[in-house]
C-alpha atoms as a PDB file:
ATOM      1  CA  UNK A   1       7.742  98.753  72.651  1.00  0.00           C
ATOM      2  CA  UNK A   2       9.196  97.908  75.863  1.00  0.00           C
ATOM      3  CA  UNK A   3       8.124  96.370  78.493  1.00  0.00           C
ATOM      4  CA  UNK A   4       8.483  99.250  81.161  1.00  0.00           C
ATOM      5  CA  UNK A   5       6.332 101.808  79.005  1.00  0.00           C
ATOM      6  CA  UNK A   6       3.079  99.336  79.030  1.00  0.00           C
ATOM      7  CA  UNK A   7       1.151  99.483  82.328  1.00  0.00           C
ATOM      8  CA  UNK A   8      -0.749  96.198  81.807  1.00  0.00           C
ATOM      9  CA  UNK A   9       1.781  94.021  81.478  1.00  0.00           C
ATOM     10  CA  UNK A  10       3.260  93.520  84.662  1.00  0.00           C
ATOM     11  CA  UNK A  11       7.005  92.550  86.025  1.00  0.00           C
ATOM     12  CA  UNK A  12       5.315  88.647  86.450  1.00  0.00           C
ATOM     13  CA  UNK A  13       5.451  85.537  84.482  1.00  0.00           C
ATOM     14  CA  UNK A  14       3.345  85.761  81.764  1.00  0.00           C
ATOM     15  CA  UNK A  15       2.027  82.088  80.401  1.00  0.00           C
ATOM     16  CA  UNK A  16       1.442  80.846  76.818  1.00  0.00           C
ATOM     17  CA  UNK A  17      -0.408  77.807  76.780  1.00  0.00           C
ATOM     18  CA  UNK A  18      -1.161  75.239  74.038  1.00  0.00           C
ATOM     19  CA  UNK A  19      -2.419  71.403  73.548  1.00  0.00           C
ATOM     20  CA  UNK A  20      -0.462  68.595  72.375  1.00  0.00           C
ATOM     21  CA  UNK A  21      -0.754  68.228  68.694  1.00  0.00           C
ATOM     22  CA  UNK A  22       0.074  66.029  66.260  1.00  0.00           C
ATOM     23  CA  UNK A  23       3.936  65.823  66.663  1.00  0.00           C
ATOM     24  CA  UNK A  24       3.274  65.373  70.533  1.00  0.00           C
ATOM     25  CA  UNK A  25       3.773  62.442  72.149  1.00  0.00           C
ATOM     26  CA  UNK A  26       4.337  60.703  76.013  1.00  0.00           C
ATOM     27  CA  UNK A  27       6.422  57.303  75.490  1.00  0.00           C
ATOM     28  CA  UNK A  28       8.237  55.027  77.317  1.00  0.00           C
ATOM     29  CA  UNK A  29      11.906  54.018  76.207  1.00  0.00           C
ATOM     30  CA  UNK A  30      14.171  51.153  77.314  1.00  0.00           C
ATOM     31  CA  UNK A  31      17.617  52.409  78.355  1.00  0.00           C
ATOM     32  CA  UNK A  32      20.248  49.239  77.138  1.00  0.00           C
ATOM     33  CA  UNK A  33      20.249  48.878  81.067  1.00  0.00           C
ATOM     34  CA  UNK A  34      16.877  48.091  80.904  1.00  0.00           C
ATOM     35  CA  UNK A  35      15.544  51.205  83.281  1.00  0.00           C
ATOM     36  CA  UNK A  36      12.627  53.083  81.741  1.00  0.00           C
ATOM     37  CA  UNK A  37      12.789  56.529  81.389  1.00  0.00           C
ATOM     38  CA  UNK A  38       9.325  58.686  80.381  1.00  0.00           C
ATOM     39  CA  UNK A  39       9.973  61.190  77.038  1.00  0.00           C
ATOM     40  CA  UNK A  40       7.778  64.047  75.774  1.00  0.00           C
ATOM     41  CA  UNK A  41       8.154  64.815  72.817  1.00  0.00           C
ATOM     42  CA  UNK A  42       6.526  68.454  70.608  1.00  0.00           C
ATOM     43  CA  UNK A  43       5.443  71.820  70.894  1.00  0.00           C
ATOM     44  CA  UNK A  44       5.191  73.324  73.935  1.00  0.00           C
ATOM     45  CA  UNK A  45       4.129  76.613  72.463  1.00  0.00           C
ATOM     46  CA  UNK A  46       2.764  77.229  68.295  1.00  0.00           C
ATOM     47  CA  UNK A  47       3.297  80.634  66.415  1.00  0.00           C
ATOM     48  CA  UNK A  48      -0.091  81.070  66.287  1.00  0.00           C
ATOM     49  CA  UNK A  49      -2.808  83.803  67.818  1.00  0.00           C
ATOM     50  CA  UNK A  50      -4.130  82.146  71.612  1.00  0.00           C
ATOM     51  CA  UNK A  51      -7.387  83.523  73.167  1.00  0.00           C
ATOM     52  CA  UNK A  52      -5.452  85.920  74.641  1.00  0.00           C
ATOM     53  CA  UNK A  53      -5.022  87.088  71.163  1.00  0.00           C
ATOM     54  CA  UNK A  54      -1.021  86.704  71.425  1.00  0.00           C
ATOM     55  CA  UNK A  55       1.877  85.246  69.202  1.00  0.00           C
ATOM     56  CA  UNK A  56       5.221  84.011  69.916  1.00  0.00           C
ATOM     57  CA  UNK A  57       6.978  83.474  66.823  1.00  0.00           C
ATOM     58  CA  UNK A  58      10.091  81.235  66.159  1.00  0.00           C
ATOM     59  CA  UNK A  59      11.927  84.697  66.474  1.00  0.00           C
ATOM     60  CA  UNK A  60      10.833  85.415  70.031  1.00  0.00           C
ATOM     61  CA  UNK A  61      12.787  83.038  72.187  1.00  0.00           C
ATOM     62  CA  UNK A  62      15.791  83.587  74.598  1.00  0.00           C
ATOM     63  CA  UNK A  63      16.665  80.118  75.946  1.00  0.00           C
ATOM     64  CA  UNK A  64      20.030  81.182  77.307  1.00  0.00           C
ATOM     65  CA  UNK A  65      19.518  80.861  80.751  1.00  0.00           C
ATOM     66  CA  UNK A  66      16.084  78.155  81.038  1.00  0.00           C
ATOM     67  CA  UNK A  67      18.749  76.047  79.644  1.00  0.00           C
ATOM     68  CA  UNK A  68      21.107  76.556  82.716  1.00  0.00           C
ATOM     69  CA  UNK A  69      18.130  74.809  84.368  1.00  0.00           C
ATOM     70  CA  UNK A  70      15.618  73.139  81.792  1.00  0.00           C
ATOM     71  CA  UNK A  71      12.662  72.399  84.245  1.00  0.00           C
ATOM     72  CA  UNK A  72       9.681  70.864  83.258  1.00  0.00           C
ATOM     73  CA  UNK A  73       6.884  71.785  85.956  1.00  0.00           C
ATOM     74  CA  UNK A  74       2.879  70.773  86.693  1.00  0.00           C
ATOM     75  CA  UNK A  75       0.918  74.185  86.631  1.00  0.00           C
ATOM     76  CA  UNK A  76       3.438  76.465  86.795  1.00  0.00           C
ATOM     77  CA  UNK A  77       4.260  75.879  90.584  1.00  0.00           C
ATOM     78  CA  UNK A  78       7.225  77.340  91.138  1.00  0.00           C
ATOM     79  CA  UNK A  79       6.715  77.284  94.793  1.00  0.00           C
ATOM     80  CA  UNK A  80       6.450  73.426  95.506  1.00  0.00           C
ATOM     81  CA  UNK A  81       9.412  71.191  94.485  1.00  0.00           C
ATOM     82  CA  UNK A  82       6.804  68.582  93.814  1.00  0.00           C
ATOM     83  CA  UNK A  83       5.999  69.980  91.170  1.00  0.00           C
ATOM     84  CA  UNK A  84       9.030  69.892  89.310  1.00  0.00           C
ATOM     85  CA  UNK A  85       8.449  66.849  87.168  1.00  0.00           C
ATOM     86  CA  UNK A  86      11.115  66.611  84.772  1.00  0.00           C
ATOM     87  CA  UNK A  87      13.705  68.530  82.110  1.00  0.00           C
ATOM     88  CA  UNK A  88      14.357  69.307  79.053  1.00  0.00           C
ATOM     89  CA  UNK A  89      16.843  67.753  77.099  1.00  0.00           C
ATOM     90  CA  UNK A  90      16.340  69.533  73.521  1.00  0.00           C
ATOM     91  CA  UNK A  91      14.599  73.167  73.307  1.00  0.00           C
ATOM     92  CA  UNK A  92      14.415  74.438  69.813  1.00  0.00           C
ATOM     93  CA  UNK A  93      12.511  77.359  68.374  1.00  0.00           C
ATOM     94  CA  UNK A  94      11.278  76.498  64.809  1.00  0.00           C
ATOM     95  CA  UNK A  95       9.056  77.855  62.387  1.00  0.00           C
ATOM     96  CA  UNK A  96       5.811  75.673  63.717  1.00  0.00           C
ATOM     97  CA  UNK A  97       6.601  76.976  67.749  1.00  0.00           C
ATOM     98  CA  UNK A  98       8.841  75.869  70.507  1.00  0.00           C
ATOM     99  CA  UNK A  99       9.678  72.131  70.113  1.00  0.00           C
ATOM    100  CA  UNK A 100      11.136  70.397  72.823  1.00  0.00           C
ATOM    101  CA  UNK A 101      11.779  67.041  74.343  1.00  0.00           C
ATOM    102  CA  UNK A 102      12.080  66.231  77.918  1.00  0.00           C
ATOM    103  CA  UNK A 103      12.398  63.409  80.078  1.00  0.00           C
ATOM    104  CA  UNK A 104      10.152  62.711  82.868  1.00  0.00           C
ATOM    105  CA  UNK A 105      12.373  60.765  85.731  1.00  0.00           C
ATOM    106  CA  UNK A 106      15.794  60.086  85.619  1.00  0.00           C
ATOM    107  CA  UNK A 107      17.692  56.392  84.267  1.00  0.00           C
ATOM    108  CA  UNK A 108      17.904  54.352  87.629  1.00  0.00           C
ATOM    109  CA  UNK A 109      15.467  56.863  89.830  1.00  0.00           C
ATOM    110  CA  UNK A 110      12.384  55.383  91.085  1.00  0.00           C
ATOM    111  CA  UNK A 111       9.759  58.215  89.951  1.00  0.00           C
ATOM    112  CA  UNK A 112       8.408  60.455  92.375  1.00  0.00           C
ATOM    113  CA  UNK A 113       4.630  60.717  93.020  1.00  0.00           C
ATOM    114  CA  UNK A 114       3.879  63.649  91.141  1.00  0.00           C
ATOM    115  CA  UNK A 115       6.114  61.951  88.376  1.00  0.00           C
ATOM    116  CA  UNK A 116       3.568  58.947  88.502  1.00  0.00           C
ATOM    117  CA  UNK A 117       0.951  60.847  88.495  1.00  0.00           C
ATOM    118  CA  UNK A 118       1.628  63.156  85.143  1.00  0.00           C
ATOM    119  CA  UNK A 119       2.660  59.670  83.753  1.00  0.00           C
ATOM    120  CA  UNK A 120      -0.217  57.990  84.251  1.00  0.00           C
ATOM    121  CA  UNK A 121      -2.903  61.106  82.839  1.00  0.00           C
ATOM    122  CA  UNK A 122      -0.720  61.820  80.108  1.00  0.00           C
ATOM    123  CA  UNK A 123      -1.522  57.885  79.501  1.00  0.00           C
ATOM    124  CA  UNK A 124      -5.270  57.993  80.250  1.00  0.00           C
ATOM    125  CA  UNK A 125      -5.497  60.623  77.975  1.00  0.00           C
ATOM    126  CA  UNK A 126      -6.516  63.478  80.900  1.00  0.00           C
ATOM    127  CA  UNK A 127      -3.691  65.808  80.957  1.00  0.00           C
ATOM    128  CA  UNK A 128      -3.682  66.652  77.065  1.00  0.00           C
ATOM    129  CA  UNK A 129      -1.954  70.372  77.643  1.00  0.00           C
ATOM    130  CA  UNK A 130       1.287  72.269  77.694  1.00  0.00           C
ATOM    131  CA  UNK A 131       2.336  75.620  78.664  1.00  0.00           C
ATOM    132  CA  UNK A 132       5.449  77.903  78.944  1.00  0.00           C
ATOM    133  CA  UNK A 133       6.023  80.508  81.787  1.00  0.00           C
ATOM    134  CA  UNK A 134       8.020  83.401  80.484  1.00  0.00           C
ATOM    135  CA  UNK A 135       9.278  87.140  80.932  1.00  0.00           C
ATOM    136  CA  UNK A 136       8.395  89.140  77.959  1.00  0.00           C
ATOM    137  CA  UNK A 137      11.869  92.056  77.355  1.00  0.00           C
ATOM    138  CA  UNK A 138      10.057  92.999  74.168  1.00  0.00           C
ATOM    139  CA  UNK A 139       6.764  92.942  71.782  1.00  0.00           C
ATOM    140  CA  UNK A 140       4.582  95.038  69.138  1.00  0.00           C
ATOM    141  CA  UNK A 141       0.440  95.454  69.213  1.00  0.00           C
ATOM    142  CA  UNK A 142      -0.839  95.700  65.970  1.00  0.00           C
ATOM    143  CA  UNK A 143      -3.117  98.538  66.295  1.00  0.00           C
ATOM    144  CA  UNK A 144      -6.313  97.359  63.528  1.00  0.00           C
ATOM    145  CA  UNK A 145      -6.297  93.337  64.718  1.00  0.00           C
ATOM    146  CA  UNK A 146      -5.045  93.786  68.140  1.00  0.00           C
ATOM    147  CA  UNK A 147      -2.830  91.260  67.684  1.00  0.00           C
ATOM    148  CA  UNK A 148       0.044  91.358  70.808  1.00  0.00           C
ATOM    149  CA  UNK A 149       3.400  90.120  68.773  1.00  0.00           C
ATOM    150  CA  UNK A 150       6.422  89.174  71.363  1.00  0.00           C
ATOM    151  CA  UNK A 151       9.821  89.945  69.822  1.00  0.00           C
ATOM    152  CA  UNK A 152      11.997  89.170  72.942  1.00  0.00           C
ATOM    153  CA  UNK A 153      10.405  86.641  75.362  1.00  0.00           C
ATOM    154  CA  UNK A 154      12.829  84.519  77.989  1.00  0.00           C
ATOM    155  CA  UNK A 155      11.962  81.245  78.744  1.00  0.00           C
ATOM    156  CA  UNK A 156      11.410  80.210  82.464  1.00  0.00           C
ATOM    157  CA  UNK A 157      10.019  76.963  82.477  1.00  0.00           C
ATOM    158  CA  UNK A 158       7.871  74.783  80.348  1.00  0.00           C
ATOM    159  CA  UNK A 159       4.288  72.903  82.190  1.00  0.00           C
ATOM    160  CA  UNK A 160       2.068  70.144  81.898  1.00  0.00           C
ATOM    161  CA  UNK A 161      -0.965  72.483  82.673  1.00  0.00           C
ATOM    162  CA  UNK A 162      -5.023  71.272  83.089  1.00  0.00           C
ATOM    163  CA  UNK A 163      -5.900  74.378  81.203  1.00  0.00           C
ATOM    164  CA  UNK A 164      -4.263  76.043  78.035  1.00  0.00           C
ATOM    165  CA  UNK A 165      -4.326  79.368  76.045  1.00  0.00           C
ATOM    166  CA  UNK A 166      -4.251  77.756  72.352  1.00  0.00           C
ATOM    167  CA  UNK A 167      -7.571  76.348  71.544  1.00  0.00           C
ATOM    168  CA  UNK A 168      -7.372  75.688  67.678  1.00  0.00           C
ATOM    169  CA  UNK A 169      -4.783  72.650  68.021  1.00  0.00           C
ATOM    170  CA  UNK A 170      -5.764  69.077  67.580  1.00  0.00           C
ATOM    171  CA  UNK A 171      -4.891  66.788  70.562  1.00  0.00           C
ATOM    172  CA  UNK A 172      -3.791  63.279  70.910  1.00  0.00           C
ATOM    173  CA  UNK A 173      -2.817  61.529  73.984  1.00  0.00           C
ATOM    174  CA  UNK A 174      -0.132  59.833  75.427  1.00  0.00           C
ATOM    175  CA  UNK A 175       1.451  56.826  73.899  1.00  0.00           C
END
């Protein structure tokens, strides 16, 4: 089923959210010159049905355009430059979900106020969740279960968020 034939999905960015799971972490890495860079590693999305009854399997991801400008945002806010807090250095679809590694800040540069706040909130265990913003291009709905499975989704951004769609994952705090 194509996006244009399904009236419920509009031509706007969709959001699919997941908590930090056991393989996600935030840590400070010291570079050879003594500079610190905050690294986030984990799954921006997992391949299980979320609270909206949607699944994003490994094969659905289209990353080509995202990797041109691999942004990490706060709460999907594309309208405010202060919401831009980092960049993904690796994004890889895996069976478990969409694995990524990202830097918050840049080596040799001071953290912005937004970046500092993100680092503090994750370290304190207050900010624990991630989300992906994407453009759905193709999907199918299981008529028996009602589960919507994306077949082609273009990743637009990864966000640190205050709420999530995937409610059945373990939460861990950043280190």
